[in-house]
Amino acid sequence: MGVAAQLSSPFGGPASLADLAYEGIRDRLVMLDIRPGDPLNDDALAQELGTGRTPVREALKRLEGDRLVVAYPRRGTFATAVDITDLAHICEIRTQLEPLAASRAARNATAAERTRLAELAQDVAGLEARVDDRRELLRRDVQVHREIYRAAGNPYLEDILVRQDNLATRIWCLFLDRLPTIAGHVGEHVALLDAIVAGEDEKAGRLALEHVVGFERAVRAVL
């Protein structure tokens, strides 16, 4: 399953064409398939996504609010740069909110969500032996985070954390070839998911915090 495997509007309900365009372009930006500084062409994106130009333009406005693109008058829209100096700011937010989301998910996840998270834990547990592609491992990392945010049951918290995780993932992608711990980093999710499924909210919060702190340390170690 890719980064945007499950498409929905930000606060539930079926995805509109603008939502589809938003998530499709967002995931290209997050995984650096659209490189920092690259121009974004409305017509080309509309043709690739099959959504038309108007949904693409709506999506680009949303993505500007996410700090993933920047628009310049008479010049066009471009993918934002990945600024490593943002790492401390992003991690400051995530160290506060990732444990909250994990704890909430442990307390509030529905039976169906716990089943889904348990399946994800089983899948992630065998990734290191099955998957050599670092980008695919990173996509699974993003997938797990988004499932946890959704299970937390607070759409406003989910929205904030998805945006911050997107920015963090762009930093991961920038240093992906230099990071020796990507498989281990993704593998950390097994214990976290197990704690959420078991309803162990304090443990889930602690593991989520350790995961975020480990991300910052891993990146800083290769700077």
N, C-alpha and C. Protein backbone atom coordinates (compact mmCIF):
# COMPACT_ATOMS: atom_id res chain seq x y z
N MET A 1 0.84 -1.19 0.00
CA MET A 1 0.00 0.00 0.00
C MET A 1 0.88 1.24 0.00
N GLY A 2 0.63 2.21 -0.87
CA GLY A 2 1.44 3.39 -0.96
C GLY A 2 1.06 4.42 0.07
N VAL A 3 1.71 5.57 0.00
CA VAL A 3 1.49 6.61 0.97
C VAL A 3 0.06 7.09 0.97
N ALA A 4 -0.53 7.21 -0.22
CA ALA A 4 -1.89 7.73 -0.31
C ALA A 4 -2.87 6.62 -0.62
N ALA A 5 -2.68 5.48 0.01
CA ALA A 5 -3.51 4.32 -0.33
C ALA A 5 -4.95 4.53 0.05
N GLN A 6 -5.21 5.30 1.11
CA GLN A 6 -6.58 5.53 1.54
C GLN A 6 -6.89 7.00 1.37
N LEU A 7 -7.78 7.32 0.48
CA LEU A 7 -8.10 8.69 0.19
C LEU A 7 -9.43 9.08 0.82
N SER A 8 -9.43 10.18 1.51
CA SER A 8 -10.66 10.70 2.10
C SER A 8 -10.49 12.19 2.29
N SER A 9 -11.59 12.87 2.52
CA SER A 9 -11.51 14.29 2.78
C SER A 9 -10.89 14.50 4.15
N PRO A 10 -10.37 15.71 4.47
CA PRO A 10 -9.64 15.91 5.70
C PRO A 10 -10.43 15.54 6.95
N PHE A 11 -11.75 15.70 6.93
CA PHE A 11 -12.53 15.44 8.13
C PHE A 11 -13.56 14.35 7.89
N GLY A 12 -13.21 13.37 7.07
CA GLY A 12 -14.09 12.24 6.84
C GLY A 12 -14.93 12.43 5.60
N GLY A 13 -15.60 11.36 5.17
CA GLY A 13 -16.44 11.44 3.99
C GLY A 13 -15.66 11.09 2.75
N PRO A 14 -16.33 10.92 1.64
CA PRO A 14 -15.67 10.53 0.40
C PRO A 14 -14.78 11.63 -0.14
N ALA A 15 -13.75 11.25 -0.85
CA ALA A 15 -12.81 12.21 -1.40
C ALA A 15 -13.38 12.86 -2.65
N SER A 16 -13.25 14.17 -2.74
CA SER A 16 -13.62 14.90 -3.95
C SER A 16 -12.44 14.86 -4.92
N LEU A 17 -12.65 15.37 -6.13
CA LEU A 17 -11.55 15.43 -7.09
C LEU A 17 -10.42 16.31 -6.55
N ALA A 18 -10.78 17.37 -5.83
CA ALA A 18 -9.76 18.23 -5.23
C ALA A 18 -8.97 17.47 -4.16
N ASP A 19 -9.68 16.64 -3.38
CA ASP A 19 -8.99 15.81 -2.38
C ASP A 19 -8.02 14.84 -3.05
N LEU A 20 -8.50 14.21 -4.13
CA LEU A 20 -7.65 13.26 -4.86
C LEU A 20 -6.42 13.95 -5.42
N ALA A 21 -6.62 15.13 -5.99
CA ALA A 21 -5.49 15.89 -6.53
C ALA A 21 -4.53 16.29 -5.40
N TYR A 22 -5.10 16.73 -4.31
CA TYR A 22 -4.30 17.15 -3.16
C TYR A 22 -3.42 16.00 -2.66
N GLU A 23 -4.02 14.85 -2.43
CA GLU A 23 -3.26 13.74 -1.87
C GLU A 23 -2.25 13.18 -2.87
N GLY A 24 -2.62 13.17 -4.15
CA GLY A 24 -1.69 12.70 -5.16
C GLY A 24 -0.46 13.59 -5.28
N ILE A 25 -0.68 14.90 -5.32
CA ILE A 25 0.44 15.84 -5.43
C ILE A 25 1.23 15.87 -4.13
N ARG A 26 0.51 15.87 -3.00
CA ARG A 26 1.16 15.89 -1.70
C ARG A 26 2.16 14.75 -1.55
N ASP A 27 1.74 13.55 -1.95
CA ASP A 27 2.62 12.41 -1.74
C ASP A 27 3.83 12.44 -2.67
N ARG A 28 3.69 13.02 -3.83
CA ARG A 28 4.85 13.22 -4.69
C ARG A 28 5.83 14.21 -4.06
N LEU A 29 5.28 15.24 -3.43
CA LEU A 29 6.12 16.23 -2.77
C LEU A 29 6.80 15.65 -1.52
N VAL A 30 6.04 14.89 -0.75
CA VAL A 30 6.57 14.32 0.49
C VAL A 30 7.71 13.36 0.23
N MET A 31 7.56 12.52 -0.79
CA MET A 31 8.58 11.52 -1.11
C MET A 31 9.67 12.07 -2.04
N LEU A 32 9.60 13.38 -2.31
CA LEU A 32 10.56 14.06 -3.17
C LEU A 32 10.58 13.53 -4.60
N ASP A 33 9.45 12.92 -5.02
CA ASP A 33 9.29 12.60 -6.44
C ASP A 33 9.21 13.91 -7.23
N ILE A 34 8.62 14.92 -6.62
CA ILE A 34 8.75 16.30 -7.10
C ILE A 34 9.83 16.92 -6.23
N ARG A 35 10.96 17.24 -6.80
CA ARG A 35 12.11 17.67 -6.03
C ARG A 35 11.95 19.10 -5.50
N PRO A 36 12.58 19.41 -4.39
CA PRO A 36 12.56 20.79 -3.88
C PRO A 36 13.01 21.77 -4.96
N GLY A 37 12.21 22.81 -5.13
CA GLY A 37 12.52 23.82 -6.14
C GLY A 37 11.93 23.56 -7.50
N ASP A 38 11.40 22.36 -7.74
CA ASP A 38 10.80 22.04 -9.03
C ASP A 38 9.52 22.84 -9.24
N PRO A 39 9.25 23.29 -10.48
CA PRO A 39 7.98 23.95 -10.77
C PRO A 39 6.86 22.93 -10.88
N LEU A 40 5.65 23.35 -10.54
CA LEU A 40 4.48 22.48 -10.66
C LEU A 40 3.59 23.04 -11.76
N ASN A 41 3.37 22.25 -12.79
CA ASN A 41 2.59 22.66 -13.94
C ASN A 41 1.16 22.14 -13.82
N ASP A 42 0.18 23.06 -13.80
CA ASP A 42 -1.23 22.68 -13.63
C ASP A 42 -1.67 21.66 -14.66
N ASP A 43 -1.38 21.94 -15.91
CA ASP A 43 -1.84 21.07 -17.00
C ASP A 43 -1.24 19.68 -16.90
N ALA A 44 0.06 19.60 -16.64
CA ALA A 44 0.73 18.31 -16.57
C ALA A 44 0.20 17.49 -15.39
N LEU A 45 0.01 18.15 -14.25
CA LEU A 45 -0.49 17.43 -13.07
C LEU A 45 -1.93 16.97 -13.29
N ALA A 46 -2.74 17.82 -13.92
CA ALA A 46 -4.13 17.43 -14.19
C ALA A 46 -4.19 16.22 -15.09
N GLN A 47 -3.31 16.18 -16.08
CA GLN A 47 -3.29 15.04 -17.00
C GLN A 47 -2.82 13.77 -16.28
N GLU A 48 -1.80 13.89 -15.45
CA GLU A 48 -1.27 12.73 -14.71
C GLU A 48 -2.32 12.17 -13.74
N LEU A 49 -3.02 13.07 -13.05
CA LEU A 49 -3.96 12.65 -12.01
C LEU A 49 -5.36 12.38 -12.54
N GLY A 50 -5.67 12.88 -13.73
CA GLY A 50 -6.99 12.69 -14.30
C GLY A 50 -8.08 13.42 -13.56
N THR A 51 -7.75 14.60 -13.03
CA THR A 51 -8.72 15.34 -12.21
C THR A 51 -9.16 16.66 -12.82
N GLY A 52 -8.48 17.15 -13.83
CA GLY A 52 -8.79 18.47 -14.37
C GLY A 52 -7.99 19.55 -13.67
N ARG A 53 -7.94 20.72 -14.28
CA ARG A 53 -7.10 21.81 -13.77
C ARG A 53 -7.65 22.46 -12.51
N THR A 54 -8.98 22.59 -12.43
CA THR A 54 -9.55 23.28 -11.25
C THR A 54 -9.25 22.53 -9.95
N PRO A 55 -9.45 21.21 -9.87
CA PRO A 55 -9.06 20.50 -8.64
C PRO A 55 -7.57 20.62 -8.33
N VAL A 56 -6.74 20.64 -9.38
CA VAL A 56 -5.30 20.79 -9.15
C VAL A 56 -5.00 22.15 -8.55
N ARG A 57 -5.63 23.18 -9.06
CA ARG A 57 -5.39 24.52 -8.52
C ARG A 57 -5.87 24.62 -7.08
N GLU A 58 -7.00 24.00 -6.77
CA GLU A 58 -7.48 23.99 -5.39
C GLU A 58 -6.49 23.24 -4.49
N ALA A 59 -5.97 22.13 -5.01
CA ALA A 59 -5.01 21.34 -4.25
C ALA A 59 -3.74 22.13 -3.97
N LEU A 60 -3.26 22.87 -4.95
CA LEU A 60 -2.03 23.63 -4.77
C LEU A 60 -2.20 24.73 -3.72
N LYS A 61 -3.39 25.31 -3.63
CA LYS A 61 -3.64 26.30 -2.58
C LYS A 61 -3.54 25.66 -1.20
N ARG A 62 -4.10 24.46 -1.05
CA ARG A 62 -4.01 23.74 0.22
C ARG A 62 -2.56 23.38 0.54
N LEU A 63 -1.83 22.95 -0.47
CA LEU A 63 -0.45 22.54 -0.27
C LEU A 63 0.45 23.71 0.11
N GLU A 64 0.07 24.90 -0.33
CA GLU A 64 0.83 26.08 0.09
C GLU A 64 0.65 26.29 1.60
N GLY A 65 -0.56 26.06 2.09
CA GLY A 65 -0.81 26.14 3.53
C GLY A 65 -0.06 25.08 4.31
N ASP A 66 0.25 23.96 3.66
CA ASP A 66 1.01 22.87 4.29
C ASP A 66 2.52 23.11 4.24
N ARG A 67 2.94 24.20 3.63
CA ARG A 67 4.36 24.53 3.47
C ARG A 67 5.08 23.56 2.53
N LEU A 68 4.33 22.96 1.62
CA LEU A 68 4.93 22.03 0.66
C LEU A 68 5.16 22.68 -0.69
N VAL A 69 4.42 23.74 -1.01
CA VAL A 69 4.66 24.50 -2.23
C VAL A 69 4.62 25.98 -1.89
N VAL A 70 5.19 26.76 -2.79
CA VAL A 70 5.16 28.22 -2.64
C VAL A 70 4.84 28.82 -4.01
N ALA A 71 3.93 29.80 -4.01
CA ALA A 71 3.51 30.44 -5.26
C ALA A 71 4.09 31.85 -5.34
N TYR A 72 4.62 32.17 -6.52
CA TYR A 72 5.17 33.50 -6.76
C TYR A 72 4.39 34.16 -7.89
N PRO A 73 3.96 35.40 -7.71
CA PRO A 73 3.22 36.10 -8.78
C PRO A 73 4.05 36.15 -10.06
N ARG A 74 3.39 35.81 -11.16
CA ARG A 74 3.96 35.85 -12.51
C ARG A 74 5.10 34.85 -12.72
N ARG A 75 5.41 34.04 -11.72
CA ARG A 75 6.46 33.03 -11.88
C ARG A 75 5.91 31.62 -11.83
N GLY A 76 4.91 31.41 -11.00
CA GLY A 76 4.33 30.08 -10.89
C GLY A 76 4.47 29.50 -9.50
N THR A 77 4.19 28.20 -9.39
CA THR A 77 4.21 27.49 -8.12
C THR A 77 5.35 26.47 -8.12
N PHE A 78 6.07 26.39 -7.00
CA PHE A 78 7.25 25.56 -6.91
C PHE A 78 7.21 24.74 -5.62
N ALA A 79 7.84 23.57 -5.66
CA ALA A 79 8.01 22.78 -4.44
C ALA A 79 8.94 23.53 -3.50
N THR A 80 8.58 23.57 -2.23
CA THR A 80 9.41 24.29 -1.27
C THR A 80 10.73 23.56 -1.05
N ALA A 81 11.72 24.33 -0.62
CA ALA A 81 13.01 23.74 -0.26
C ALA A 81 12.85 22.92 1.01
N VAL A 82 13.74 21.95 1.19
CA VAL A 82 13.82 21.21 2.45
C VAL A 82 14.91 21.87 3.27
N ASP A 83 14.50 22.57 4.31
CA ASP A 83 15.43 23.34 5.14
C ASP A 83 15.72 22.56 6.41
N ILE A 84 16.95 22.09 6.56
CA ILE A 84 17.30 21.27 7.72
C ILE A 84 17.18 22.05 9.01
N THR A 85 17.21 23.37 8.94
CA THR A 85 17.07 24.17 10.17
C THR A 85 15.65 24.07 10.72
N ASP A 86 14.71 23.55 9.91
CA ASP A 86 13.34 23.35 10.40
C ASP A 86 13.21 22.11 11.28
N LEU A 87 14.24 21.27 11.29
CA LEU A 87 14.15 19.99 12.00
C LEU A 87 13.79 20.18 13.46
N ALA A 88 14.44 21.11 14.14
CA ALA A 88 14.18 21.32 15.57
C ALA A 88 12.75 21.77 15.80
N HIS A 89 12.23 22.64 14.94
CA HIS A 89 10.86 23.14 15.08
C HIS A 89 9.85 22.01 14.88
N ILE A 90 10.08 21.19 13.86
CA ILE A 90 9.17 20.09 13.57
C ILE A 90 9.18 19.08 14.73
N CYS A 91 10.37 18.75 15.20
CA CYS A 91 10.48 17.77 16.28
C CYS A 91 9.91 18.31 17.59
N GLU A 92 9.99 19.60 17.81
CA GLU A 92 9.40 20.18 19.01
C GLU A 92 7.89 19.94 19.05
N ILE A 93 7.25 20.09 17.91
CA ILE A 93 5.81 19.84 17.82
C ILE A 93 5.52 18.36 17.95
N ARG A 94 6.28 17.54 17.24
CA ARG A 94 6.00 16.10 17.23
C ARG A 94 6.25 15.45 18.57
N THR A 95 7.24 15.91 19.33
CA THR A 95 7.48 15.30 20.64
C THR A 95 6.34 15.57 21.60
N GLN A 96 5.59 16.61 21.37
CA GLN A 96 4.43 16.90 22.20
C GLN A 96 3.18 16.16 21.73
N LEU A 97 2.99 16.10 20.42
CA LEU A 97 1.71 15.61 19.89
C LEU A 97 1.71 14.14 19.47
N GLU A 98 2.84 13.59 19.07
CA GLU A 98 2.86 12.17 18.71
C GLU A 98 2.52 11.27 19.91
N PRO A 99 3.08 11.53 21.11
CA PRO A 99 2.66 10.72 22.26
C PRO A 99 1.18 10.88 22.59
N LEU A 100 0.66 12.09 22.40
CA LEU A 100 -0.77 12.32 22.65
C LEU A 100 -1.62 11.48 21.70
N ALA A 101 -1.25 11.48 20.42
CA ALA A 101 -2.02 10.71 19.43
C ALA A 101 -1.94 9.22 19.73
N ALA A 102 -0.76 8.72 20.08
CA ALA A 102 -0.61 7.30 20.36
C ALA A 102 -1.41 6.90 21.59
N SER A 103 -1.36 7.74 22.62
CA SER A 103 -2.13 7.45 23.84
C SER A 103 -3.62 7.46 23.57
N ARG A 104 -4.07 8.45 22.81
CA ARG A 104 -5.49 8.53 22.47
C ARG A 104 -5.91 7.32 21.65
N ALA A 105 -5.06 6.91 20.71
CA ALA A 105 -5.39 5.74 19.90
C ALA A 105 -5.53 4.50 20.77
N ALA A 106 -4.65 4.35 21.76
CA ALA A 106 -4.72 3.19 22.66
C ALA A 106 -6.03 3.18 23.44
N ARG A 107 -6.52 4.37 23.77
CA ARG A 107 -7.76 4.46 24.56
C ARG A 107 -9.01 4.42 23.68
N ASN A 108 -8.93 5.02 22.49
CA ASN A 108 -10.15 5.31 21.74
C ASN A 108 -10.35 4.51 20.46
N ALA A 109 -9.35 3.79 20.01
CA ALA A 109 -9.49 3.07 18.73
C ALA A 109 -10.66 2.10 18.78
N THR A 110 -11.38 2.03 17.68
CA THR A 110 -12.49 1.09 17.57
C THR A 110 -11.94 -0.33 17.39
N ALA A 111 -12.81 -1.30 17.51
CA ALA A 111 -12.41 -2.69 17.30
C ALA A 111 -11.85 -2.88 15.89
N ALA A 112 -12.50 -2.26 14.91
CA ALA A 112 -12.03 -2.38 13.53
C ALA A 112 -10.65 -1.74 13.37
N GLU A 113 -10.45 -0.61 14.01
CA GLU A 113 -9.15 0.06 13.91
C GLU A 113 -8.06 -0.75 14.60
N ARG A 114 -8.39 -1.38 15.74
CA ARG A 114 -7.40 -2.21 16.42
C ARG A 114 -7.02 -3.42 15.57
N THR A 115 -8.00 -3.97 14.87
CA THR A 115 -7.70 -5.08 13.97
C THR A 115 -6.77 -4.63 12.87
N ARG A 116 -7.05 -3.47 12.31
CA ARG A 116 -6.22 -2.91 11.25
C ARG A 116 -4.80 -2.65 11.76
N LEU A 117 -4.67 -2.08 12.95
CA LEU A 117 -3.35 -1.78 13.50
C LEU A 117 -2.58 -3.06 13.82
N ALA A 118 -3.29 -4.10 14.28
CA ALA A 118 -2.65 -5.39 14.55
C ALA A 118 -2.12 -6.00 13.25
N GLU A 119 -2.88 -5.87 12.18
CA GLU A 119 -2.43 -6.37 10.87
C GLU A 119 -1.19 -5.60 10.40
N LEU A 120 -1.19 -4.28 10.64
CA LEU A 120 -0.04 -3.48 10.27
C LEU A 120 1.19 -3.90 11.04
N ALA A 121 1.02 -4.19 12.34
CA ALA A 121 2.15 -4.63 13.16
C ALA A 121 2.75 -5.91 12.61
N GLN A 122 1.90 -6.85 12.20
CA GLN A 122 2.40 -8.10 11.63
C GLN A 122 3.15 -7.84 10.32
N ASP A 123 2.62 -6.94 9.52
CA ASP A 123 3.25 -6.62 8.24
C ASP A 123 4.61 -5.97 8.46
N VAL A 124 4.65 -4.98 9.37
CA VAL A 124 5.89 -4.25 9.63
C VAL A 124 6.95 -5.17 10.23
N ALA A 125 6.52 -6.15 11.03
CA ALA A 125 7.46 -7.04 11.69
C ALA A 125 8.33 -7.80 10.70
N GLY A 126 7.82 -8.06 9.51
CA GLY A 126 8.60 -8.81 8.53
C GLY A 126 9.19 -7.98 7.42
N LEU A 127 9.09 -6.66 7.52
CA LEU A 127 9.51 -5.81 6.41
C LEU A 127 11.01 -5.90 6.13
N GLU A 128 11.81 -5.90 7.19
CA GLU A 128 13.26 -5.84 7.00
C GLU A 128 13.76 -7.02 6.18
N ALA A 129 13.13 -8.18 6.35
CA ALA A 129 13.55 -9.36 5.60
C ALA A 129 12.99 -9.37 4.18
N ARG A 130 11.87 -8.64 3.96
CA ARG A 130 11.20 -8.72 2.66
C ARG A 130 11.48 -7.54 1.75
N VAL A 131 11.79 -6.40 2.32
CA VAL A 131 11.86 -5.16 1.53
C VAL A 131 13.26 -4.55 1.63
N ASP A 132 13.90 -4.40 0.47
CA ASP A 132 15.22 -3.77 0.41
C ASP A 132 15.14 -2.29 0.03
N ASP A 133 14.03 -1.91 -0.59
CA ASP A 133 13.86 -0.55 -1.09
C ASP A 133 13.61 0.41 0.08
N ARG A 134 14.54 1.31 0.30
CA ARG A 134 14.41 2.25 1.43
C ARG A 134 13.20 3.16 1.27
N ARG A 135 12.91 3.54 0.06
CA ARG A 135 11.76 4.41 -0.16
C ARG A 135 10.46 3.69 0.20
N GLU A 136 10.39 2.41 -0.12
CA GLU A 136 9.20 1.65 0.24
C GLU A 136 9.09 1.51 1.76
N LEU A 137 10.21 1.32 2.43
CA LEU A 137 10.19 1.28 3.89
C LEU A 137 9.68 2.59 4.46
N LEU A 138 10.11 3.68 3.86
CA LEU A 138 9.67 4.99 4.33
C LEU A 138 8.19 5.20 4.08
N ARG A 139 7.69 4.70 2.96
CA ARG A 139 6.25 4.79 2.69
C ARG A 139 5.46 4.04 3.77
N ARG A 140 5.98 2.90 4.20
CA ARG A 140 5.29 2.14 5.26
C ARG A 140 5.31 2.93 6.57
N ASP A 141 6.42 3.61 6.83
CA ASP A 141 6.51 4.46 8.02
C ASP A 141 5.40 5.51 8.02
N VAL A 142 5.25 6.17 6.88
CA VAL A 142 4.20 7.18 6.75
C VAL A 142 2.82 6.56 6.93
N GLN A 143 2.62 5.41 6.34
CA GLN A 143 1.33 4.72 6.44
C GLN A 143 0.97 4.43 7.90
N VAL A 144 1.93 3.91 8.66
CA VAL A 144 1.67 3.59 10.07
C VAL A 144 1.32 4.83 10.85
N HIS A 145 2.08 5.90 10.65
CA HIS A 145 1.79 7.13 11.37
C HIS A 145 0.37 7.62 11.08
N ARG A 146 0.00 7.59 9.81
CA ARG A 146 -1.33 8.11 9.46
C ARG A 146 -2.45 7.24 10.03
N GLU A 147 -2.22 5.94 10.11
CA GLU A 147 -3.22 5.05 10.71
C GLU A 147 -3.38 5.35 12.20
N ILE A 148 -2.28 5.61 12.88
CA ILE A 148 -2.34 5.94 14.30
C ILE A 148 -3.05 7.27 14.51
N TYR A 149 -2.72 8.25 13.70
CA TYR A 149 -3.38 9.56 13.84
C TYR A 149 -4.89 9.41 13.67
N ARG A 150 -5.30 8.61 12.69
CA ARG A 150 -6.73 8.42 12.44
C ARG A 150 -7.39 7.73 13.63
N ALA A 151 -6.71 6.72 14.18
CA ALA A 151 -7.27 5.97 15.30
C ALA A 151 -7.36 6.80 16.57
N ALA A 152 -6.61 7.91 16.64
CA ALA A 152 -6.67 8.77 17.82
C ALA A 152 -8.04 9.40 17.99
N GLY A 153 -8.78 9.53 16.90
CA GLY A 153 -10.16 9.99 16.99
C GLY A 153 -10.35 11.49 17.13
N ASN A 154 -9.32 12.27 16.79
CA ASN A 154 -9.43 13.73 16.84
C ASN A 154 -8.97 14.27 15.49
N PRO A 155 -9.90 14.66 14.61
CA PRO A 155 -9.51 15.06 13.25
C PRO A 155 -8.61 16.29 13.21
N TYR A 156 -8.72 17.15 14.21
CA TYR A 156 -7.86 18.34 14.23
C TYR A 156 -6.43 17.97 14.60
N LEU A 157 -6.29 17.08 15.56
CA LEU A 157 -4.97 16.56 15.91
C LEU A 157 -4.38 15.79 14.73
N GLU A 158 -5.20 14.99 14.08
CA GLU A 158 -4.76 14.23 12.91
C GLU A 158 -4.24 15.16 11.82
N ASP A 159 -4.95 16.24 11.56
CA ASP A 159 -4.56 17.18 10.51
C ASP A 159 -3.20 17.80 10.81
N ILE A 160 -2.99 18.22 12.06
CA ILE A 160 -1.71 18.82 12.43
C ILE A 160 -0.57 17.82 12.28
N LEU A 161 -0.79 16.61 12.77
CA LEU A 161 0.28 15.63 12.75
C LEU A 161 0.61 15.12 11.35
N VAL A 162 -0.39 14.98 10.51
CA VAL A 162 -0.11 14.59 9.13
C VAL A 162 0.80 15.63 8.48
N ARG A 163 0.49 16.91 8.71
CA ARG A 163 1.31 17.96 8.10
C ARG A 163 2.74 17.92 8.62
N GLN A 164 2.91 17.73 9.93
CA GLN A 164 4.25 17.70 10.49
C GLN A 164 5.01 16.45 10.06
N ASP A 165 4.32 15.32 9.98
CA ASP A 165 4.97 14.09 9.53
C ASP A 165 5.38 14.20 8.07
N ASN A 166 4.58 14.89 7.26
CA ASN A 166 4.96 15.12 5.87
C ASN A 166 6.29 15.88 5.79
N LEU A 167 6.42 16.93 6.59
CA LEU A 167 7.64 17.72 6.58
C LEU A 167 8.83 16.91 7.10
N ALA A 168 8.58 16.10 8.12
CA ALA A 168 9.65 15.24 8.65
C ALA A 168 10.08 14.20 7.61
N THR A 169 9.12 13.66 6.89
CA THR A 169 9.43 12.64 5.88
C THR A 169 10.27 13.22 4.75
N ARG A 170 10.02 14.47 4.39
CA ARG A 170 10.85 15.10 3.36
C ARG A 170 12.31 15.17 3.81
N ILE A 171 12.52 15.42 5.09
CA ILE A 171 13.88 15.45 5.62
C ILE A 171 14.49 14.05 5.56
N TRP A 172 13.70 13.03 5.95
CA TRP A 172 14.17 11.64 5.83
C TRP A 172 14.62 11.37 4.40
N CYS A 173 13.77 11.74 3.43
CA CYS A 173 14.06 11.46 2.02
C CYS A 173 15.36 12.13 1.58
N LEU A 174 15.60 13.31 2.09
CA LEU A 174 16.79 14.05 1.69
C LEU A 174 18.07 13.32 2.10
N PHE A 175 18.00 12.61 3.22
CA PHE A 175 19.19 11.93 3.75
C PHE A 175 19.07 10.41 3.68
N LEU A 176 18.12 9.91 2.90
CA LEU A 176 17.78 8.49 2.94
C LEU A 176 18.97 7.58 2.66
N ASP A 177 19.80 7.96 1.71
CA ASP A 177 20.94 7.11 1.35
C ASP A 177 22.03 7.11 2.41
N ARG A 178 21.98 8.07 3.32
CA ARG A 178 23.02 8.19 4.34
C ARG A 178 22.56 7.68 5.70
N LEU A 179 21.28 7.35 5.83
CA LEU A 179 20.76 6.89 7.12
C LEU A 179 20.88 5.38 7.22
N PRO A 180 21.63 4.87 8.19
CA PRO A 180 21.83 3.42 8.29
C PRO A 180 20.70 2.70 9.02
N THR A 181 19.79 3.46 9.62
CA THR A 181 18.84 2.85 10.56
C THR A 181 17.40 2.82 10.07
N ILE A 182 17.16 3.00 8.77
CA ILE A 182 15.79 3.16 8.31
C ILE A 182 14.95 1.91 8.59
N ALA A 183 15.49 0.72 8.37
CA ALA A 183 14.72 -0.50 8.64
C ALA A 183 14.42 -0.63 10.12
N GLY A 184 15.41 -0.34 10.96
CA GLY A 184 15.18 -0.40 12.40
C GLY A 184 14.20 0.64 12.87
N HIS A 185 14.27 1.83 12.26
CA HIS A 185 13.34 2.90 12.61
C HIS A 185 11.90 2.49 12.32
N VAL A 186 11.68 1.92 11.15
CA VAL A 186 10.33 1.46 10.80
C VAL A 186 9.92 0.29 11.69
N GLY A 187 10.86 -0.58 12.00
CA GLY A 187 10.57 -1.73 12.85
C GLY A 187 10.13 -1.35 14.26
N GLU A 188 10.51 -0.15 14.72
CA GLU A 188 10.10 0.30 16.04
C GLU A 188 8.58 0.38 16.17
N HIS A 189 7.91 0.45 15.04
CA HIS A 189 6.46 0.59 15.07
C HIS A 189 5.75 -0.66 15.58
N VAL A 190 6.41 -1.78 15.54
CA VAL A 190 5.75 -3.02 15.97
C VAL A 190 5.34 -2.91 17.43
N ALA A 191 6.28 -2.56 18.30
CA ALA A 191 5.98 -2.44 19.73
C ALA A 191 4.95 -1.35 19.98
N LEU A 192 5.05 -0.25 19.24
CA LEU A 192 4.10 0.85 19.39
C LEU A 192 2.69 0.41 19.00
N LEU A 193 2.57 -0.24 17.87
CA LEU A 193 1.26 -0.71 17.42
C LEU A 193 0.69 -1.75 18.39
N ASP A 194 1.54 -2.64 18.87
CA ASP A 194 1.08 -3.65 19.83
C ASP A 194 0.54 -2.99 21.10
N ALA A 195 1.21 -1.94 21.56
CA ALA A 195 0.75 -1.24 22.77
C ALA A 195 -0.59 -0.57 22.53
N ILE A 196 -0.78 0.00 21.36
CA ILE A 196 -2.06 0.66 21.04
C ILE A 196 -3.17 -0.38 20.98
N VAL A 197 -2.91 -1.48 20.30
CA VAL A 197 -3.93 -2.53 20.17
C VAL A 197 -4.31 -3.08 21.54
N ALA A 198 -3.33 -3.17 22.44
CA ALA A 198 -3.59 -3.70 23.78
C ALA A 198 -4.20 -2.68 24.72
N GLY A 199 -4.33 -1.43 24.25
CA GLY A 199 -4.92 -0.39 25.09
C GLY A 199 -3.98 0.15 26.15
N GLU A 200 -2.68 -0.03 25.96
CA GLU A 200 -1.70 0.44 26.93
C GLU A 200 -1.30 1.87 26.59
N ASP A 201 -2.09 2.82 27.04
CA ASP A 201 -1.93 4.20 26.59
C ASP A 201 -0.61 4.84 27.04
N GLU A 202 -0.18 4.60 28.28
CA GLU A 202 1.07 5.19 28.75
C GLU A 202 2.26 4.63 27.99
N LYS A 203 2.28 3.34 27.79
CA LYS A 203 3.37 2.72 27.03
C LYS A 203 3.38 3.22 25.60
N ALA A 204 2.21 3.32 24.99
CA ALA A 204 2.13 3.82 23.61
C ALA A 204 2.69 5.23 23.51
N GLY A 205 2.34 6.08 24.45
CA GLY A 205 2.85 7.44 24.44
C GLY A 205 4.35 7.49 24.59
N ARG A 206 4.90 6.66 25.48
CA ARG A 206 6.34 6.63 25.70
C ARG A 206 7.07 6.15 24.45
N LEU A 207 6.56 5.10 23.81
CA LEU A 207 7.21 4.58 22.61
C LEU A 207 7.14 5.57 21.45
N ALA A 208 6.03 6.28 21.35
CA ALA A 208 5.90 7.30 20.30
C ALA A 208 6.93 8.41 20.51
N LEU A 209 7.12 8.81 21.75
CA LEU A 209 8.11 9.85 22.04
C LEU A 209 9.51 9.37 21.70
N GLU A 210 9.85 8.15 22.08
CA GLU A 210 11.17 7.60 21.78
C GLU A 210 11.39 7.53 20.27
N HIS A 211 10.35 7.22 19.53
CA HIS A 211 10.44 7.12 18.08
C HIS A 211 10.77 8.47 17.46
N VAL A 212 10.10 9.51 17.90
CA VAL A 212 10.33 10.85 17.35
C VAL A 212 11.72 11.35 17.71
N VAL A 213 12.11 11.17 18.95
CA VAL A 213 13.44 11.60 19.39
C VAL A 213 14.51 10.85 18.60
N GLY A 214 14.29 9.56 18.35
CA GLY A 214 15.24 8.78 17.58
C GLY A 214 15.38 9.29 16.16
N PHE A 215 14.28 9.76 15.57
CA PHE A 215 14.31 10.33 14.22
C PHE A 215 15.24 11.54 14.18
N GLU A 216 15.08 12.44 15.14
CA GLU A 216 15.90 13.65 15.14
C GLU A 216 17.38 13.29 15.33
N ARG A 217 17.65 12.37 16.24
CA ARG A 217 19.03 11.97 16.48
C ARG A 217 19.67 11.34 15.24
N ALA A 218 18.89 10.51 14.53
CA ALA A 218 19.41 9.82 13.35
C ALA A 218 19.78 10.80 12.27
N VAL A 219 18.94 11.82 12.08
CA VAL A 219 19.23 12.82 11.05
C VAL A 219 20.42 13.66 11.45
N ARG A 220 20.47 14.10 12.69
CA ARG A 220 21.57 14.95 13.13
C ARG A 220 22.90 14.21 13.08
N ALA A 221 22.85 12.89 13.22
CA ALA A 221 24.09 12.11 13.21
C ALA A 221 24.77 12.11 11.84
N VAL A 222 24.01 12.38 10.78
CA VAL A 222 24.61 12.35 9.43
C VAL A 222 24.81 13.76 8.87
N LEU A 223 24.50 14.77 9.64
CA LEU A 223 24.70 16.14 9.16
C LEU A 223 26.18 16.52 9.14
